Amino acid sequence: MTTSRLLTVASQNLQHRAADEGRWPDLAAIIRGVGPQLLLLQECDWLTDAKPAAQAARDLDLELVVAPSSGLPTAVAWDPRRLHLIGCDTYYTLRLHHGYCAPRFDVLGTALPVPLVAISTHLIPTSANQAADEASLVGSRAYRYGGLGLLGGDINHCPVDDPEPDWDTIQPYNRMARCQRRSHDRAPWQANTIVGQTLRDGSFTDVAADVAARRADPSLLMPTARHGGIRCDQAHVTPALAPTIEDYWQVDTGDASDHHLIAFTLDLSRTDLTQLRDHT
């Protein structure tokens, strides 16, 4: 295993108004401390203008692209010493509640035959069924350019096998969106896992769940946001990248955001090339 084969990826929901409320410098410092070469961002409301976006890129010491959005924009940032941008897919972004940003890269120092697609998305929070449709769309874009893809961000809905939260302690608006009753009477609520199942049906691997299972460490499945009681921030990879999953962790952002940062490393020397296809 060589250092050039390792790729550190992070995802952070910035919580809207991060710049206006003065939280951005703390968030940028936390992100720099993790040192991702690839960064997925959500709720980037102030980065739709070129000047603040350029400043944010300088703050991170990364390059940055922001997707069009009819809601709160998403963005992807990357280290140009590691990744070479060759295109960016936002073709269907306005069909999603918050949109998506899907740049594709040549990974420098490797001989991977297809580009790496990295999608930052923020699925609709108010309906698991609608979010599943959005997950299907962004999942298809992750496969679009040869099958070497990852997607992550504020997925907003319950993974398939995570511990069941105590729904009686969850805000009613989150219960309506994220769970269902076991029957039509007064039976307890249970998680609606249609989004996680949609991604699993697409042969995606949930990075946190994969590492938690291999290490027998359920703490890796802890909730990632201050409210809601679930692991709403997630990362999923296509089959070609599943063998490359090396590590996963969360970083508590304190008062800088209402979401934890999630991060993971991939050992690209273990890429399953049999899962790739010619994208030309």
Protein backbone atom coordinates (compact mmCIF):
# COMPACT_ATOMS: atom_id res chain seq x y z
CA MET A 1 0.00 0.00 0.00
CA THR A 2 1.42 3.36 -1.00
CA THR A 3 0.47 6.76 0.33
CA SER A 4 -0.49 7.90 -3.17
CA ARG A 5 -3.20 5.25 -3.22
CA LEU A 6 -4.92 6.57 -0.09
CA LEU A 7 -7.70 9.10 -0.49
CA THR A 8 -9.25 10.90 2.48
CA VAL A 9 -12.84 12.03 1.93
CA ALA A 10 -15.00 14.14 4.25
CA SER A 11 -18.57 15.43 4.25
CA GLN A 12 -19.94 18.36 6.21
CA ASN A 13 -23.36 19.96 6.44
CA LEU A 14 -22.34 23.54 7.20
CA GLN A 15 -25.76 24.54 8.62
CA HIS A 16 -27.13 27.43 6.61
CA ARG A 17 -25.96 30.95 7.42
CA ALA A 18 -22.53 29.71 8.50
CA ALA A 19 -20.90 32.84 7.09
CA ASP A 20 -23.52 35.30 8.37
CA GLU A 21 -23.37 33.82 11.86
CA GLY A 22 -19.56 33.78 11.95
CA ARG A 23 -19.23 29.98 12.17
CA TRP A 24 -17.38 29.46 8.90
CA PRO A 25 -13.83 30.13 10.22
CA ASP A 26 -14.29 27.43 12.87
CA LEU A 27 -15.71 25.01 10.33
CA ALA A 28 -12.85 25.68 7.91
CA ALA A 29 -10.34 25.05 10.71
CA ILE A 30 -12.04 21.75 11.64
CA ILE A 31 -12.02 20.63 8.00
CA ARG A 32 -8.36 21.58 7.54
CA GLY A 33 -7.56 19.58 10.68
CA VAL A 34 -9.03 16.47 9.06
CA GLY A 35 -7.15 17.23 5.83
CA PRO A 36 -9.47 15.73 3.21
CA GLN A 37 -8.34 15.56 -0.39
CA LEU A 38 -12.02 15.38 -1.37
CA LEU A 39 -14.72 17.28 0.49
CA LEU A 40 -18.52 17.11 0.13
CA LEU A 41 -20.41 20.14 1.46
CA GLN A 42 -24.09 20.88 2.03
CA GLU A 43 -26.07 24.02 2.91
CA CYS A 44 -23.58 26.28 1.12
CA ASP A 45 -26.00 29.19 0.89
CA TRP A 46 -23.41 31.98 0.64
CA LEU A 47 -21.17 30.24 -1.90
CA THR A 48 -23.38 30.82 -4.92
CA ASP A 49 -21.47 34.06 -5.64
CA ALA A 50 -18.01 33.76 -7.15
CA LYS A 51 -16.12 35.97 -4.70
CA PRO A 52 -17.14 34.23 -1.44
CA ALA A 53 -16.73 30.84 -3.13
CA ALA A 54 -13.16 31.75 -4.12
CA GLN A 55 -12.45 32.89 -0.56
CA ALA A 56 -13.87 29.66 0.88
CA ALA A 57 -11.61 27.67 -1.44
CA ARG A 58 -8.61 29.64 -0.17
CA ASP A 59 -9.72 29.07 3.43
CA LEU A 60 -9.76 25.32 2.77
CA ASP A 61 -6.65 25.27 0.55
CA LEU A 62 -8.76 23.38 -1.97
CA GLU A 63 -10.50 24.04 -5.26
CA LEU A 64 -14.29 24.27 -5.15
CA VAL A 65 -17.36 23.92 -7.34
CA VAL A 66 -20.91 24.76 -6.24
CA ALA A 67 -24.04 23.28 -7.83
CA PRO A 68 -27.09 25.27 -8.92
CA SER A 69 -29.95 24.68 -6.50
CA SER A 70 -33.53 25.73 -5.88
CA GLY A 71 -32.93 25.13 -2.15
CA LEU A 72 -29.69 25.10 -0.16
CA PRO A 73 -26.77 24.41 -2.54
CA THR A 74 -24.27 21.59 -2.31
CA ALA A 75 -20.61 21.77 -3.28
CA VAL A 76 -17.51 19.64 -3.75
CA ALA A 77 -13.95 20.73 -2.97
CA TRP A 78 -10.76 18.88 -3.84
CA ASP A 79 -6.98 19.00 -3.64
CA PRO A 80 -5.66 19.61 -7.17
CA ARG A 81 -2.39 17.95 -6.19
CA ARG A 82 -4.34 14.71 -5.88
CA LEU A 83 -7.36 15.07 -8.15
CA HIS A 84 -7.64 16.57 -11.63
CA LEU A 85 -11.11 17.86 -12.51
CA ILE A 86 -12.27 16.69 -15.92
CA GLY A 87 -15.99 17.57 -15.76
CA CYS A 88 -18.92 18.28 -13.48
CA ASP A 89 -22.42 16.83 -13.76
CA THR A 90 -25.25 18.92 -12.31
CA TYR A 91 -27.63 18.11 -15.14
CA TYR A 92 -30.59 17.05 -12.96
CA THR A 93 -29.79 19.14 -9.90
CA LEU A 94 -32.94 21.27 -10.09
CA ARG A 95 -35.08 18.12 -9.97
CA LEU A 96 -33.92 17.55 -6.38
CA HIS A 97 -35.04 19.50 -3.33
CA HIS A 98 -31.51 20.76 -2.61
CA GLY A 99 -29.72 19.48 -5.70
CA TYR A 100 -26.42 17.66 -6.13
CA CYS A 101 -22.91 18.33 -7.34
CA ALA A 102 -21.12 15.50 -9.18
CA PRO A 103 -17.65 16.41 -10.41
CA ARG A 104 -15.50 13.67 -11.91
CA PHE A 105 -11.77 13.38 -11.54
CA ASP A 106 -8.66 11.69 -12.73
CA VAL A 107 -6.96 10.43 -9.56
CA LEU A 108 -3.33 11.47 -9.88
CA GLY A 109 -0.74 8.83 -9.06
CA THR A 110 -3.03 5.97 -10.12
CA ALA A 111 -3.79 4.23 -13.40
CA LEU A 112 -7.52 3.90 -12.84
CA PRO A 113 -9.17 3.41 -16.23
CA VAL A 114 -12.29 5.51 -15.53
CA PRO A 115 -12.84 8.77 -13.64
CA LEU A 116 -13.85 8.99 -10.01
CA VAL A 117 -17.33 10.51 -9.62
CA ALA A 118 -17.87 12.27 -6.27
CA ILE A 119 -21.42 13.41 -5.48
CA SER A 120 -22.41 15.78 -2.70
CA THR A 121 -26.14 15.75 -2.09
CA HIS A 122 -28.73 16.76 0.48
CA LEU A 123 -31.91 14.70 0.12
CA ILE A 124 -35.36 16.13 0.80
CA PRO A 125 -35.99 16.06 4.57
CA THR A 126 -39.79 15.91 4.61
CA SER A 127 -40.54 12.61 2.83
CA ALA A 128 -38.66 9.31 2.87
CA ASN A 129 -40.44 8.21 -0.30
CA GLN A 130 -39.44 11.34 -2.22
CA ALA A 131 -35.93 11.07 -0.83
CA ALA A 132 -35.72 7.50 -2.15
CA ASP A 133 -36.52 8.80 -5.64
CA GLU A 134 -33.77 11.40 -5.25
CA ALA A 135 -31.35 8.72 -4.02
CA SER A 136 -32.10 6.65 -7.12
CA LEU A 137 -31.31 9.63 -9.34
CA VAL A 138 -28.00 10.54 -7.71
CA GLY A 139 -27.10 6.86 -7.49
CA SER A 140 -27.50 6.53 -11.24
CA ARG A 141 -25.20 9.54 -11.73
CA ALA A 142 -22.54 7.89 -9.56
CA TYR A 143 -22.46 4.98 -12.01
CA ARG A 144 -22.65 7.18 -15.11
CA TYR A 145 -18.96 7.41 -16.04
CA GLY A 146 -17.69 3.88 -15.61
CA GLY A 147 -18.83 2.79 -12.17
CA LEU A 148 -16.15 4.36 -9.93
CA GLY A 149 -18.38 6.48 -7.75
CA LEU A 150 -19.18 7.71 -4.28
CA LEU A 151 -22.01 9.80 -2.94
CA GLY A 152 -22.45 11.40 0.41
CA GLY A 153 -23.91 14.22 2.39
CA ASP A 154 -27.01 14.87 4.43
CA ILE A 155 -29.04 11.84 3.35
CA ASN A 156 -31.62 12.81 5.99
CA HIS A 157 -33.20 9.35 6.36
CA CYS A 158 -32.60 6.10 8.20
CA PRO A 159 -29.97 3.58 7.08
CA VAL A 160 -31.07 -0.03 6.78
CA ASP A 161 -29.51 -1.67 9.84
CA ASP A 162 -28.82 1.15 12.29
CA PRO A 163 -30.17 0.97 15.86
CA GLU A 164 -33.79 2.05 16.16
CA PRO A 165 -34.10 5.42 17.93
CA ASP A 166 -36.71 6.09 20.58
CA TRP A 167 -39.26 7.72 18.31
CA ASP A 168 -41.23 9.09 21.26
CA THR A 169 -38.30 11.46 21.89
CA ILE A 170 -38.08 12.65 18.26
CA GLN A 171 -39.71 15.83 17.02
CA PRO A 172 -43.11 15.13 15.38
CA TYR A 173 -42.01 16.61 12.03
CA ASN A 174 -39.03 14.23 11.90
CA ARG A 175 -41.26 11.28 12.85
CA MET A 176 -43.60 12.09 9.98
CA ALA A 177 -40.72 12.11 7.52
CA ARG A 178 -38.49 9.32 8.78
CA CYS A 179 -40.59 6.55 10.28
CA GLN A 180 -43.82 4.62 10.06
CA ARG A 181 -46.11 2.74 12.40
CA ARG A 182 -45.74 -1.01 12.70
CA SER A 183 -49.51 -1.30 12.16
CA HIS A 184 -52.55 0.92 11.77
CA ASP A 185 -53.37 0.97 15.48
CA ARG A 186 -51.39 2.41 18.40
CA ALA A 187 -48.32 0.24 17.84
CA PRO A 188 -44.86 1.85 18.16
CA TRP A 189 -43.16 3.68 15.34
CA GLN A 190 -40.31 2.16 13.37
CA ALA A 191 -37.72 3.59 10.97
CA ASN A 192 -38.69 3.93 7.32
CA THR A 193 -35.53 2.64 5.65
CA ILE A 194 -36.67 3.03 2.03
CA VAL A 195 -33.77 5.39 1.23
CA GLY A 196 -31.15 3.02 2.63
CA GLN A 197 -32.81 0.09 0.88
CA THR A 198 -32.86 1.98 -2.42
CA LEU A 199 -29.11 2.54 -2.18
CA ARG A 200 -28.54 -1.09 -1.16
CA ASP A 201 -30.66 -2.25 -4.10
CA GLY A 202 -28.27 -0.23 -6.27
CA SER A 203 -25.35 -2.25 -4.83
CA PHE A 204 -24.01 0.70 -2.86
CA THR A 205 -22.02 0.02 0.32
CA ASP A 206 -22.70 2.22 3.35
CA VAL A 207 -19.17 3.18 4.45
CA ALA A 208 -19.89 3.63 8.17
CA ALA A 209 -21.89 0.40 8.40
CA ASP A 210 -19.15 -1.52 6.59
CA VAL A 211 -16.43 -0.37 8.99
CA ALA A 212 -18.67 -0.81 12.04
CA ALA A 213 -19.43 -4.40 11.07
CA ARG A 214 -15.79 -5.31 10.41
CA ARG A 215 -14.66 -3.81 13.71
CA ALA A 216 -17.73 -4.81 15.73
CA ASP A 217 -17.94 -1.15 16.75
CA PRO A 218 -21.54 0.13 16.89
CA SER A 219 -20.33 3.53 18.09
CA LEU A 220 -19.55 4.33 14.44
CA LEU A 221 -23.31 4.32 13.80
CA MET A 222 -24.09 7.09 16.28
CA PRO A 223 -26.35 9.96 15.15
CA THR A 224 -24.56 12.67 13.22
CA ALA A 225 -26.82 15.66 13.85
CA ARG A 226 -27.92 17.56 16.92
CA HIS A 227 -31.60 16.83 16.26
CA GLY A 228 -33.45 13.84 14.87
CA GLY A 229 -31.71 10.92 16.55
CA ILE A 230 -30.41 9.18 13.40
CA ARG A 231 -27.22 8.91 11.35
CA CYS A 232 -28.46 11.29 8.68
CA ASP A 233 -24.97 12.13 7.31
CA GLN A 234 -23.80 9.17 5.25
CA ALA A 235 -21.39 8.07 2.53
CA HIS A 236 -22.01 5.25 0.04
CA VAL A 237 -19.70 3.78 -2.59
CA THR A 238 -20.18 1.72 -5.75
CA PRO A 239 -19.01 -1.93 -5.88
CA ALA A 240 -15.67 -1.00 -7.45
CA LEU A 241 -14.82 1.05 -4.35
CA ALA A 242 -16.30 -1.24 -1.70
CA PRO A 243 -13.02 -3.20 -1.20
CA THR A 244 -11.10 0.07 -0.80
CA ILE A 245 -12.86 1.19 2.41
CA GLU A 246 -10.09 1.60 4.97
CA ASP A 247 -11.41 3.75 7.82
CA TYR A 248 -14.36 5.88 8.93
CA TRP A 249 -14.84 8.37 11.75
CA GLN A 250 -16.92 11.32 12.93
CA VAL A 251 -15.74 14.70 14.20
CA ASP A 252 -17.91 16.69 16.60
CA THR A 253 -18.11 20.25 15.27
CA GLY A 254 -19.44 21.73 18.53
CA ASP A 255 -21.17 25.06 17.98
CA ALA A 256 -19.79 25.43 14.45
CA SER A 257 -22.61 23.32 12.95
CA ASP A 258 -25.60 21.24 13.97
CA HIS A 259 -24.02 18.29 12.10
CA HIS A 260 -20.90 16.30 12.78
CA LEU A 261 -18.27 15.98 10.08
CA ILE A 262 -17.93 12.46 8.72
CA ALA A 263 -14.68 11.26 7.14
CA PHE A 264 -13.33 8.08 5.59
CA THR A 265 -10.26 6.82 3.79
CA LEU A 266 -10.10 4.68 0.67
CA ASP A 267 -7.13 2.56 -0.38
CA LEU A 268 -7.49 2.85 -4.14
CA SER A 269 -4.93 0.08 -4.71
CA ARG A 270 -7.76 -2.31 -3.77
CA THR A 271 -10.19 -1.01 -6.41
CA ASP A 272 -12.15 -3.88 -7.96
CA LEU A 273 -11.42 -3.25 -11.63
CA THR A 274 -13.81 -6.03 -12.69
CA GLN A 275 -16.69 -3.79 -11.57
CA LEU A 276 -15.72 -1.00 -13.98
CA ARG A 277 -16.90 -0.53 -17.52
CA ASP A 278 -15.84 1.55 -20.48
CA HIS A 279 -17.52 4.96 -20.11
CA THR A 280 -16.70 6.35 -23.54
